[in-house]
Amino acid sequence: MRGERIARIPDDWTVWTFSDPHGVATGLEAALIESGLVDAALAWRAPPRTALVGCGDYLDRGADSRRVLALLRRLQVEAEAAGARVVLTRGNHEETILHLRAGRHEWLPVWLAYGGLATLESFRIALGAPERIEVALAGLDEMAPGLFDWLADMPQAATWRDIVFVHGGLPAEAGLDDLGLTTDRHLWIRDEFFTTPWASGAFDGFVADGIERVVFGHTPQPAGVRVMQGGRMFAIDSNACGNPRMPPDAQLMITLVEVGDGGFDQSRSVIVPTDTAPDRTRVPDPPEPMLDYR
């Protein structure tokens, strides 16, 4: 449903989830086909009451953000017509390009350092001088009409049963009502979230909202998806682009997860290696100092 800040998926639906495809269209397409959510022509085929939930960062870095965005926009329409849903929560990369579109040019160096040029290039748009960013972004909206309205309409998070799907994680001393209103830390948070014990009470605001578990992306995992904090947290960013901060032996893959009735460690995964994907690009280390953007 358009305009939701927190998307809510009925308890009796089947839920698949993914995160951080970062413009690697071939990997995402292969995972969707293997899961049975789409057919060989990439048309939606999953049964009614099925939800595909994205945890953000659909664009930048990889070479085909244009194709990823077009696919996801089309699947949203097709799924809705079939009595299903594609719910795409916002990531920090979507947030950054929206800041730029709103005229906040202080975000430009960060966006360019972390894969923004790859998005422009996928649309065959040349930035030229940095002061031409407004022209370049207008070109994006011209080539993909409604793109920025669609990005701005992405929910901050999604819930299903006792699970919240979010990009970065949960900020302490907050609840669902805070996400996108009083804080944007859920799009950026890392270590503070990972290392804060659930039993500490820091997340009691979310517990009061019925949340007991979290699925998130944002922080790439070198060995695939990972269950953390005794089953409370499920990290599903599986390093599609080969993040330069990962160790040399880190795996590169896109992972699509069917979240089952049991614990996260019982979830079924579809794994597509991306180390040889033609649309994967490796981003050089950014200049310092920079935000921990990844």
C-alpha atoms as a PDB file:
ATOM      1  CA  MET A   1       0.000   0.000   0.000  1.00  0.00           C
ATOM      2  CA  ARG A   2       1.385   3.354  -1.007  1.00  0.00           C
ATOM      3  CA  GLY A   3       2.292   5.903   1.602  1.00  0.00           C
ATOM      4  CA  GLU A   4       2.915   3.476   4.457  1.00  0.00           C
ATOM      5  CA  ARG A   5       5.666   4.521   6.846  1.00  0.00           C
ATOM      6  CA  ILE A   6       5.696   1.045   8.417  1.00  0.00           C
ATOM      7  CA  ALA A   7       4.389  -1.644   6.053  1.00  0.00           C
ATOM      8  CA  ARG A   8       2.450  -4.405   7.788  1.00  0.00           C
ATOM      9  CA  ILE A   9       2.198  -7.898   6.311  1.00  0.00           C
ATOM     10  CA  PRO A  10      -0.557 -10.245   7.545  1.00  0.00           C
ATOM     11  CA  ASP A  11       0.554 -13.063   9.821  1.00  0.00           C
ATOM     12  CA  ASP A  12      -0.779 -15.820   7.543  1.00  0.00           C
ATOM     13  CA  TRP A  13       1.240 -14.749   4.485  1.00  0.00           C
ATOM     14  CA  THR A  14       4.392 -16.387   3.134  1.00  0.00           C
ATOM     15  CA  VAL A  15       7.382 -14.028   3.315  1.00  0.00           C
ATOM     16  CA  TRP A  16      10.601 -13.952   1.309  1.00  0.00           C
ATOM     17  CA  THR A  17      13.256 -11.325   1.940  1.00  0.00           C
ATOM     18  CA  PHE A  18      16.494  -9.951   0.469  1.00  0.00           C
ATOM     19  CA  SER A  19      18.775  -6.972   0.894  1.00  0.00           C
ATOM     20  CA  ASP A  20      21.454  -4.860  -0.760  1.00  0.00           C
ATOM     21  CA  PRO A  21      21.432  -6.054  -4.386  1.00  0.00           C
ATOM     22  CA  HIS A  22      23.248  -2.788  -5.227  1.00  0.00           C
ATOM     23  CA  GLY A  23      22.607  -2.858  -8.956  1.00  0.00           C
ATOM     24  CA  VAL A  24      23.597  -6.512  -9.503  1.00  0.00           C
ATOM     25  CA  ALA A  25      20.545  -7.273 -11.614  1.00  0.00           C
ATOM     26  CA  THR A  26      21.695 -10.656 -12.913  1.00  0.00           C
ATOM     27  CA  GLY A  27      22.113 -12.057  -9.406  1.00  0.00           C
ATOM     28  CA  LEU A  28      18.770 -10.754  -8.178  1.00  0.00           C
ATOM     29  CA  GLU A  29      16.959 -12.035 -11.261  1.00  0.00           C
ATOM     30  CA  ALA A  30      18.510 -15.496 -10.927  1.00  0.00           C
ATOM     31  CA  ALA A  31      17.535 -15.690  -7.245  1.00  0.00           C
ATOM     32  CA  LEU A  32      13.955 -14.658  -7.971  1.00  0.00           C
ATOM     33  CA  ILE A  33      13.650 -17.290 -10.698  1.00  0.00           C
ATOM     34  CA  GLU A  34      15.158 -20.040  -8.535  1.00  0.00           C
ATOM     35  CA  SER A  35      12.828 -19.180  -5.652  1.00  0.00           C
ATOM     36  CA  GLY A  36       9.785 -19.517  -7.912  1.00  0.00           C
ATOM     37  CA  LEU A  37       8.610 -15.981  -7.198  1.00  0.00           C
ATOM     38  CA  VAL A  38       8.977 -15.114 -10.892  1.00  0.00           C
ATOM     39  CA  ASP A  39       8.986 -17.182 -14.064  1.00  0.00           C
ATOM     40  CA  ALA A  40      11.787 -17.469 -16.604  1.00  0.00           C
ATOM     41  CA  ALA A  41      10.603 -14.244 -18.245  1.00  0.00           C
ATOM     42  CA  LEU A  42      10.801 -12.474 -14.843  1.00  0.00           C
ATOM     43  CA  ALA A  43       7.024 -12.111 -14.559  1.00  0.00           C
ATOM     44  CA  TRP A  44       5.525 -12.460 -11.074  1.00  0.00           C
ATOM     45  CA  ARG A  45       4.216 -16.004 -10.501  1.00  0.00           C
ATOM     46  CA  ALA A  46       4.052 -16.480  -6.727  1.00  0.00           C
ATOM     47  CA  PRO A  47       0.636 -17.349  -5.285  1.00  0.00           C
ATOM     48  CA  PRO A  48      -1.628 -14.879  -3.501  1.00  0.00           C
ATOM     49  CA  ARG A  49      -0.688 -13.938   0.073  1.00  0.00           C
ATOM     50  CA  THR A  50       3.016 -14.016  -0.731  1.00  0.00           C
ATOM     51  CA  ALA A  51       5.230 -11.050   0.161  1.00  0.00           C
ATOM     52  CA  LEU A  52       8.712 -10.263  -1.094  1.00  0.00           C
ATOM     53  CA  VAL A  53      10.348  -7.839   1.346  1.00  0.00           C
ATOM     54  CA  GLY A  54      13.451  -5.852   0.429  1.00  0.00           C
ATOM     55  CA  CYS A  55      15.637  -4.381   3.170  1.00  0.00           C
ATOM     56  CA  GLY A  56      17.053  -1.521   1.115  1.00  0.00           C
ATOM     57  CA  ASP A  57      20.032  -0.491  -1.019  1.00  0.00           C
ATOM     58  CA  TYR A  58      18.706  -1.487  -4.413  1.00  0.00           C
ATOM     59  CA  LEU A  59      20.863   0.991  -6.327  1.00  0.00           C
ATOM     60  CA  ASP A  60      24.486   2.245  -6.535  1.00  0.00           C
ATOM     61  CA  ARG A  61      27.780   0.324  -6.795  1.00  0.00           C
ATOM     62  CA  GLY A  62      26.757  -2.386  -9.268  1.00  0.00           C
ATOM     63  CA  ALA A  63      26.570  -1.679 -12.980  1.00  0.00           C
ATOM     64  CA  ASP A  64      22.827  -2.115 -13.545  1.00  0.00           C
ATOM     65  CA  SER A  65      20.838  -0.161 -10.987  1.00  0.00           C
ATOM     66  CA  ARG A  66      18.522   0.886 -13.799  1.00  0.00           C
ATOM     67  CA  ARG A  67      17.527  -2.721 -14.459  1.00  0.00           C
ATOM     68  CA  VAL A  68      17.121  -3.549 -10.765  1.00  0.00           C
ATOM     69  CA  LEU A  69      14.873  -0.552 -10.168  1.00  0.00           C
ATOM     70  CA  ALA A  70      12.760  -1.211 -13.269  1.00  0.00           C
ATOM     71  CA  LEU A  71      12.318  -4.860 -12.274  1.00  0.00           C
ATOM     72  CA  LEU A  72      11.254  -4.065  -8.721  1.00  0.00           C
ATOM     73  CA  ARG A  73       8.841  -1.345  -9.820  1.00  0.00           C
ATOM     74  CA  ARG A  74       7.192  -3.703 -12.298  1.00  0.00           C
ATOM     75  CA  LEU A  75       7.004  -6.602  -9.840  1.00  0.00           C
ATOM     76  CA  GLN A  76       5.246  -4.400  -7.304  1.00  0.00           C
ATOM     77  CA  VAL A  77       2.439  -3.815  -9.795  1.00  0.00           C
ATOM     78  CA  GLU A  78       2.250  -7.453 -10.903  1.00  0.00           C
ATOM     79  CA  ALA A  79       2.302  -8.804  -7.346  1.00  0.00           C
ATOM     80  CA  GLU A  80      -0.484  -6.499  -6.227  1.00  0.00           C
ATOM     81  CA  ALA A  81      -2.622  -7.632  -9.170  1.00  0.00           C
ATOM     82  CA  ALA A  82      -2.026 -11.249  -8.083  1.00  0.00           C
ATOM     83  CA  GLY A  83      -3.071 -10.667  -4.462  1.00  0.00           C
ATOM     84  CA  ALA A  84       0.558 -10.582  -3.301  1.00  0.00           C
ATOM     85  CA  ARG A  85       2.982  -7.788  -2.376  1.00  0.00           C
ATOM     86  CA  VAL A  86       6.497  -6.562  -3.043  1.00  0.00           C
ATOM     87  CA  VAL A  87       7.432  -4.379  -0.064  1.00  0.00           C
ATOM     88  CA  LEU A  88      10.646  -2.396  -0.506  1.00  0.00           C
ATOM     89  CA  THR A  89      11.892  -0.706   2.627  1.00  0.00           C
ATOM     90  CA  ARG A  90      14.268   2.226   2.382  1.00  0.00           C
ATOM     91  CA  GLY A  91      18.046   1.902   2.664  1.00  0.00           C
ATOM     92  CA  ASN A  92      20.677   4.538   3.303  1.00  0.00           C
ATOM     93  CA  HIS A  93      21.557   4.650  -0.407  1.00  0.00           C
ATOM     94  CA  GLU A  94      17.948   5.501  -1.278  1.00  0.00           C
ATOM     95  CA  GLU A  95      17.947   8.067   1.521  1.00  0.00           C
ATOM     96  CA  THR A  96      21.108   9.701   0.177  1.00  0.00           C
ATOM     97  CA  ILE A  97      19.861  10.176  -3.371  1.00  0.00           C
ATOM     98  CA  LEU A  98      16.625  11.602  -1.959  1.00  0.00           C
ATOM     99  CA  HIS A  99      18.685  14.096   0.064  1.00  0.00           C
ATOM    100  CA  LEU A 100      20.413  15.142  -3.162  1.00  0.00           C
ATOM    101  CA  ARG A 101      17.110  15.455  -5.003  1.00  0.00           C
ATOM    102  CA  ALA A 102      15.935  17.747  -2.183  1.00  0.00           C
ATOM    103  CA  GLY A 103      18.938  20.021  -2.794  1.00  0.00           C
ATOM    104  CA  ARG A 104      21.131  18.840   0.065  1.00  0.00           C
ATOM    105  CA  HIS A 105      24.345  18.928  -1.953  1.00  0.00           C
ATOM    106  CA  GLU A 106      26.527  18.254   1.076  1.00  0.00           C
ATOM    107  CA  TRP A 107      25.664  14.585   0.466  1.00  0.00           C
ATOM    108  CA  LEU A 108      27.178  14.565  -3.032  1.00  0.00           C
ATOM    109  CA  PRO A 109      30.770  13.544  -2.085  1.00  0.00           C
ATOM    110  CA  VAL A 110      29.428  10.641  -0.042  1.00  0.00           C
ATOM    111  CA  TRP A 111      27.111   9.450  -2.818  1.00  0.00           C
ATOM    112  CA  LEU A 112      29.834   9.623  -5.453  1.00  0.00           C
ATOM    113  CA  ALA A 113      32.366   7.839  -3.229  1.00  0.00           C
ATOM    114  CA  TYR A 114      30.005   4.973  -2.536  1.00  0.00           C
ATOM    115  CA  GLY A 115      28.682   4.060  -5.955  1.00  0.00           C
ATOM    116  CA  GLY A 116      26.469   6.894  -7.147  1.00  0.00           C
ATOM    117  CA  LEU A 117      28.277   7.275 -10.448  1.00  0.00           C
ATOM    118  CA  ALA A 118      27.468   3.656 -11.263  1.00  0.00           C
ATOM    119  CA  THR A 119      23.774   4.488 -10.980  1.00  0.00           C
ATOM    120  CA  LEU A 120      24.114   7.449 -13.338  1.00  0.00           C
ATOM    121  CA  GLU A 121      26.134   5.369 -15.782  1.00  0.00           C
ATOM    122  CA  SER A 122      23.491   2.634 -15.799  1.00  0.00           C
ATOM    123  CA  PHE A 123      21.090   5.284 -17.148  1.00  0.00           C
ATOM    124  CA  ARG A 124      23.789   6.545 -19.548  1.00  0.00           C
ATOM    125  CA  ILE A 125      23.904   9.897 -17.772  1.00  0.00           C
ATOM    126  CA  ALA A 126      27.216  11.718 -17.405  1.00  0.00           C
ATOM    127  CA  LEU A 127      27.594  13.927 -14.342  1.00  0.00           C
ATOM    128  CA  GLY A 128      30.277  16.196 -15.701  1.00  0.00           C
ATOM    129  CA  ALA A 129      31.058  18.816 -13.072  1.00  0.00           C
ATOM    130  CA  PRO A 130      29.657  18.204  -9.564  1.00  0.00           C
ATOM    131  CA  GLU A 131      27.574  21.361  -9.781  1.00  0.00           C
ATOM    132  CA  ARG A 132      25.609  19.633 -12.553  1.00  0.00           C
ATOM    133  CA  ILE A 133      24.081  17.157 -10.112  1.00  0.00           C
ATOM    134  CA  GLU A 134      20.602  18.693 -10.379  1.00  0.00           C
ATOM    135  CA  VAL A 135      20.655  18.196 -14.151  1.00  0.00           C
ATOM    136  CA  ALA A 136      21.849  14.619 -13.769  1.00  0.00           C
ATOM    137  CA  LEU A 137      19.129  13.762 -11.254  1.00  0.00           C
ATOM    138  CA  ALA A 138      16.486  15.347 -13.458  1.00  0.00           C
ATOM    139  CA  GLY A 139      17.744  13.045 -16.191  1.00  0.00           C
ATOM    140  CA  LEU A 140      17.094  10.043 -13.966  1.00  0.00           C
ATOM    141  CA  ASP A 141      13.509  11.095 -13.395  1.00  0.00           C
ATOM    142  CA  GLU A 142      13.053  11.749 -17.107  1.00  0.00           C
ATOM    143  CA  MET A 143      14.341   8.318 -18.097  1.00  0.00           C
ATOM    144  CA  ALA A 144      12.428   6.554 -15.312  1.00  0.00           C
ATOM    145  CA  PRO A 145       9.313   8.701 -14.794  1.00  0.00           C
ATOM    146  CA  GLY A 146       8.203   8.860 -11.184  1.00  0.00           C
ATOM    147  CA  LEU A 147      11.438   7.360  -9.888  1.00  0.00           C
ATOM    148  CA  PHE A 148      11.978   9.833  -7.048  1.00  0.00           C
ATOM    149  CA  ASP A 149       8.333   9.754  -5.963  1.00  0.00           C
ATOM    150  CA  TRP A 150       8.633   5.962  -5.833  1.00  0.00           C
ATOM    151  CA  LEU A 151      11.834   6.116  -3.783  1.00  0.00           C
ATOM    152  CA  ALA A 152      10.303   8.639  -1.406  1.00  0.00           C
ATOM    153  CA  ASP A 153       7.271   6.384  -0.957  1.00  0.00           C
ATOM    154  CA  MET A 154       9.343   3.464   0.345  1.00  0.00           C
ATOM    155  CA  PRO A 155       8.410   2.529   3.914  1.00  0.00           C
ATOM    156  CA  GLN A 156      10.947   2.912   6.686  1.00  0.00           C
ATOM    157  CA  ALA A 157      10.410  -0.694   7.796  1.00  0.00           C
ATOM    158  CA  ALA A 158       8.025  -3.618   7.456  1.00  0.00           C
ATOM    159  CA  THR A 159       6.562  -5.963  10.062  1.00  0.00           C
ATOM    160  CA  TRP A 160       5.339  -9.554   9.909  1.00  0.00           C
ATOM    161  CA  ARG A 161       4.338 -11.436  13.019  1.00  0.00           C
ATOM    162  CA  ASP A 162       7.006 -10.580  15.631  1.00  0.00           C
ATOM    163  CA  ILE A 163       9.629  -9.584  13.029  1.00  0.00           C
ATOM    164  CA  VAL A 164      10.623  -6.154  11.774  1.00  0.00           C
ATOM    165  CA  PHE A 165      12.448  -5.844   8.453  1.00  0.00           C
ATOM    166  CA  VAL A 166      14.686  -2.785   8.364  1.00  0.00           C
ATOM    167  CA  HIS A 167      17.822  -1.679   6.590  1.00  0.00           C
ATOM    168  CA  GLY A 168      20.494  -1.107   9.226  1.00  0.00           C
ATOM    169  CA  GLY A 169      19.052  -2.197  12.555  1.00  0.00           C
ATOM    170  CA  LEU A 170      17.187  -0.794  15.525  1.00  0.00           C
ATOM    171  CA  PRO A 171      18.234   2.301  17.442  1.00  0.00           C
ATOM    172  CA  ALA A 172      18.185   1.938  21.210  1.00  0.00           C
ATOM    173  CA  GLU A 173      15.492   3.635  23.292  1.00  0.00           C
ATOM    174  CA  ALA A 174      13.129   3.931  20.323  1.00  0.00           C
ATOM    175  CA  GLY A 175      10.090   2.194  18.836  1.00  0.00           C
ATOM    176  CA  LEU A 176       8.331   1.788  15.499  1.00  0.00           C
ATOM    177  CA  ASP A 177       6.743   5.231  15.840  1.00  0.00           C
ATOM    178  CA  ASP A 178      10.200   6.818  15.809  1.00  0.00           C
ATOM    179  CA  LEU A 179      11.486   5.353  12.533  1.00  0.00           C
ATOM    180  CA  GLY A 180      11.625   8.043   9.876  1.00  0.00           C
ATOM    181  CA  LEU A 181      10.101  10.607  12.218  1.00  0.00           C
ATOM    182  CA  THR A 182      12.430  11.231  15.156  1.00  0.00           C
ATOM    183  CA  THR A 183      15.392   9.194  13.882  1.00  0.00           C
ATOM    184  CA  ASP A 184      17.043   7.872  10.736  1.00  0.00           C
ATOM    185  CA  ARG A 185      19.521   5.714  12.663  1.00  0.00           C
ATOM    186  CA  HIS A 186      17.718   2.576  11.538  1.00  0.00           C
ATOM    187  CA  LEU A 187      19.159   3.239   8.065  1.00  0.00           C
ATOM    188  CA  TRP A 188      22.759   3.663   9.244  1.00  0.00           C
ATOM    189  CA  ILE A 189      23.332   1.868  12.541  1.00  0.00           C
ATOM    190  CA  ARG A 190      25.903  -0.932  12.866  1.00  0.00           C
ATOM    191  CA  ASP A 191      28.000  -1.919  15.895  1.00  0.00           C
ATOM    192  CA  GLU A 192      25.803  -0.165  18.439  1.00  0.00           C
ATOM    193  CA  PHE A 193      22.931  -2.395  17.313  1.00  0.00           C
ATOM    194  CA  PHE A 194      24.921  -5.635  17.022  1.00  0.00           C
ATOM    195  CA  THR A 195      26.562  -5.373  20.438  1.00  0.00           C
ATOM    196  CA  THR A 196      23.628  -4.189  22.536  1.00  0.00           C
ATOM    197  CA  PRO A 197      22.075  -7.232  24.251  1.00  0.00           C
ATOM    198  CA  TRP A 198      18.361  -7.618  23.674  1.00  0.00           C
ATOM    199  CA  ALA A 199      17.964  -8.363  27.396  1.00  0.00           C
ATOM    200  CA  SER A 200      19.436  -4.955  28.269  1.00  0.00           C
ATOM    201  CA  GLY A 201      16.061  -3.305  27.752  1.00  0.00           C
ATOM    202  CA  ALA A 202      17.411  -0.997  25.043  1.00  0.00           C
ATOM    203  CA  PHE A 203      14.851  -2.323  22.546  1.00  0.00           C
ATOM    204  CA  ASP A 204      11.862  -2.449  24.902  1.00  0.00           C
ATOM    205  CA  GLY A 205      10.123   0.221  22.843  1.00  0.00           C
ATOM    206  CA  PHE A 206      10.051  -2.197  19.916  1.00  0.00           C
ATOM    207  CA  VAL A 207       9.021  -5.085  22.182  1.00  0.00           C
ATOM    208  CA  ALA A 208       6.069  -2.971  23.296  1.00  0.00           C
ATOM    209  CA  ASP A 209       5.147  -2.748  19.607  1.00  0.00           C
ATOM    210  CA  GLY A 210       5.189  -6.542  19.316  1.00  0.00           C
ATOM    211  CA  ILE A 211       8.707  -6.853  17.875  1.00  0.00           C
ATOM    212  CA  GLU A 212      10.921  -9.674  19.129  1.00  0.00           C
ATOM    213  CA  ARG A 213      13.180 -10.285  16.096  1.00  0.00           C
ATOM    214  CA  VAL A 214      14.888  -8.229  13.379  1.00  0.00           C
ATOM    215  CA  VAL A 215      15.863  -8.920   9.754  1.00  0.00           C
ATOM    216  CA  PHE A 216      18.330  -6.365   8.401  1.00  0.00           C
ATOM    217  CA  GLY A 217      20.898  -5.649   5.695  1.00  0.00           C
ATOM    218  CA  HIS A 218      23.377  -2.762   5.362  1.00  0.00           C
ATOM    219  CA  THR A 219      26.393  -4.541   6.879  1.00  0.00           C
ATOM    220  CA  PRO A 220      27.774  -7.120   4.417  1.00  0.00           C
ATOM    221  CA  GLN A 221      28.528 -10.546   5.822  1.00  0.00           C
ATOM    222  CA  PRO A 222      31.690 -12.244   4.528  1.00  0.00           C
ATOM    223  CA  ALA A 223      30.315 -15.794   4.788  1.00  0.00           C
ATOM    224  CA  GLY A 224      26.658 -15.325   3.896  1.00  0.00           C
ATOM    225  CA  VAL A 225      23.594 -14.640   6.007  1.00  0.00           C
ATOM    226  CA  ARG A 226      24.147 -14.814   9.759  1.00  0.00           C
ATOM    227  CA  VAL A 227      21.933 -15.293  12.800  1.00  0.00           C
ATOM    228  CA  MET A 228      22.991 -13.167  15.768  1.00  0.00           C
ATOM    229  CA  GLN A 229      22.045 -12.456  19.392  1.00  0.00           C
ATOM    230  CA  GLY A 230      20.632 -15.887  20.116  1.00  0.00           C
ATOM    231  CA  GLY A 231      18.250 -15.829  17.186  1.00  0.00           C
ATOM    232  CA  ARG A 232      16.971 -12.281  17.654  1.00  0.00           C
ATOM    233  CA  MET A 233      18.834 -10.741  14.713  1.00  0.00           C
ATOM    234  CA  PHE A 234      19.242 -11.971  11.132  1.00  0.00           C
ATOM    235  CA  ALA A 235      21.860 -10.249   8.932  1.00  0.00           C
ATOM    236  CA  ILE A 236      21.027 -10.861   5.251  1.00  0.00           C
ATOM    237  CA  ASP A 237      23.358  -8.543   3.301  1.00  0.00           C
ATOM    238  CA  SER A 238      25.524 -11.195   1.635  1.00  0.00           C
ATOM    239  CA  ASN A 239      28.028  -8.885  -0.092  1.00  0.00           C
ATOM    240  CA  ALA A 240      26.647  -8.835  -3.638  1.00  0.00           C
ATOM    241  CA  CYS A 241      29.168  -6.324  -4.965  1.00  0.00           C
ATOM    242  CA  GLY A 242      32.255  -7.413  -3.080  1.00  0.00           C
ATOM    243  CA  ASN A 243      32.532  -4.593  -0.577  1.00  0.00           C
ATOM    244  CA  PRO A 244      36.142  -3.332  -0.357  1.00  0.00           C
ATOM    245  CA  ARG A 245      35.998  -3.433   3.440  1.00  0.00           C
ATOM    246  CA  MET A 246      35.438  -7.167   3.451  1.00  0.00           C
ATOM    247  CA  PRO A 247      38.347  -9.620   3.901  1.00  0.00           C
ATOM    248  CA  PRO A 248      39.950 -10.913   0.677  1.00  0.00           C
ATOM    249  CA  ASP A 249      38.310 -14.329   1.050  1.00  0.00           C
ATOM    250  CA  ALA A 250      34.807 -12.946   1.601  1.00  0.00           C
ATOM    251  CA  GLN A 251      32.109 -14.612  -0.447  1.00  0.00           C
ATOM    252  CA  LEU A 252      30.057 -12.615  -2.936  1.00  0.00           C
ATOM    253  CA  MET A 253      26.417 -13.538  -3.381  1.00  0.00           C
ATOM    254  CA  ILE A 254      22.810 -12.468  -3.425  1.00  0.00           C
ATOM    255  CA  THR A 255      20.658 -14.403  -0.985  1.00  0.00           C
ATOM    256  CA  LEU A 256      16.885 -14.683  -1.044  1.00  0.00           C
ATOM    257  CA  VAL A 257      15.446 -16.067   2.203  1.00  0.00           C
ATOM    258  CA  GLU A 258      12.063 -17.602   2.896  1.00  0.00           C
ATOM    259  CA  VAL A 259      11.365 -16.739   6.523  1.00  0.00           C
ATOM    260  CA  GLY A 260       9.750 -19.831   8.013  1.00  0.00           C
ATOM    261  CA  ASP A 261       7.637 -20.560  11.063  1.00  0.00           C
ATOM    262  CA  GLY A 262      10.658 -21.555  13.154  1.00  0.00           C
ATOM    263  CA  GLY A 263      13.812 -19.687  14.019  1.00  0.00           C
ATOM    264  CA  PHE A 264      15.915 -17.798  11.518  1.00  0.00           C
ATOM    265  CA  ASP A 265      18.386 -20.678  11.397  1.00  0.00           C
ATOM    266  CA  GLN A 266      15.617 -22.833   9.907  1.00  0.00           C
ATOM    267  CA  SER A 267      14.879 -20.439   7.045  1.00  0.00           C
ATOM    268  CA  ARG A 268      15.300 -21.656   3.463  1.00  0.00           C
ATOM    269  CA  SER A 269      17.783 -19.702   1.341  1.00  0.00           C
ATOM    270  CA  VAL A 270      18.329 -19.334  -2.386  1.00  0.00           C
ATOM    271  CA  ILE A 271      21.968 -18.353  -2.971  1.00  0.00           C
ATOM    272  CA  VAL A 272      23.340 -16.941  -6.222  1.00  0.00           C
ATOM    273  CA  PRO A 273      27.110 -16.292  -6.363  1.00  0.00           C
ATOM    274  CA  THR A 274      27.975 -12.916  -7.856  1.00  0.00           C
ATOM    275  CA  ASP A 275      31.769 -13.073  -8.016  1.00  0.00           C
ATOM    276  CA  THR A 276      31.610 -13.440 -11.818  1.00  0.00           C
ATOM    277  CA  ALA A 277      28.428 -11.430 -12.384  1.00  0.00           C
ATOM    278  CA  PRO A 278      28.856  -9.149 -15.412  1.00  0.00           C
ATOM    279  CA  ASP A 279      27.081  -6.272 -13.666  1.00  0.00           C
ATOM    280  CA  ARG A 280      29.126  -6.360 -10.463  1.00  0.00           C
ATOM    281  CA  THR A 281      31.609  -3.544  -9.969  1.00  0.00           C
ATOM    282  CA  ARG A 282      34.080  -3.270  -7.123  1.00  0.00           C
ATOM    283  CA  VAL A 283      34.088   0.135  -5.490  1.00  0.00           C
ATOM    284  CA  PRO A 284      37.496   1.539  -4.481  1.00  0.00           C
ATOM    285  CA  ASP A 285      38.093   2.542  -0.904  1.00  0.00           C
ATOM    286  CA  PRO A 286      36.643   6.028  -0.351  1.00  0.00           C
ATOM    287  CA  PRO A 287      38.773   8.947   0.745  1.00  0.00           C
ATOM    288  CA  GLU A 288      38.888   9.673   4.450  1.00  0.00           C
ATOM    289  CA  PRO A 289      37.258  10.980   6.456  1.00  0.00           C
ATOM    290  CA  MET A 290      33.913   9.567   5.380  1.00  0.00           C
ATOM    291  CA  LEU A 291      30.759   8.287   6.987  1.00  0.00           C
ATOM    292  CA  ASP A 292      30.659   4.557   7.697  1.00  0.00           C
ATOM    293  CA  TYR A 293      28.465   4.224   4.638  1.00  0.00           C
ATOM    294  CA  ARG A 294      29.392   0.896   3.078  1.00  0.00           C
END
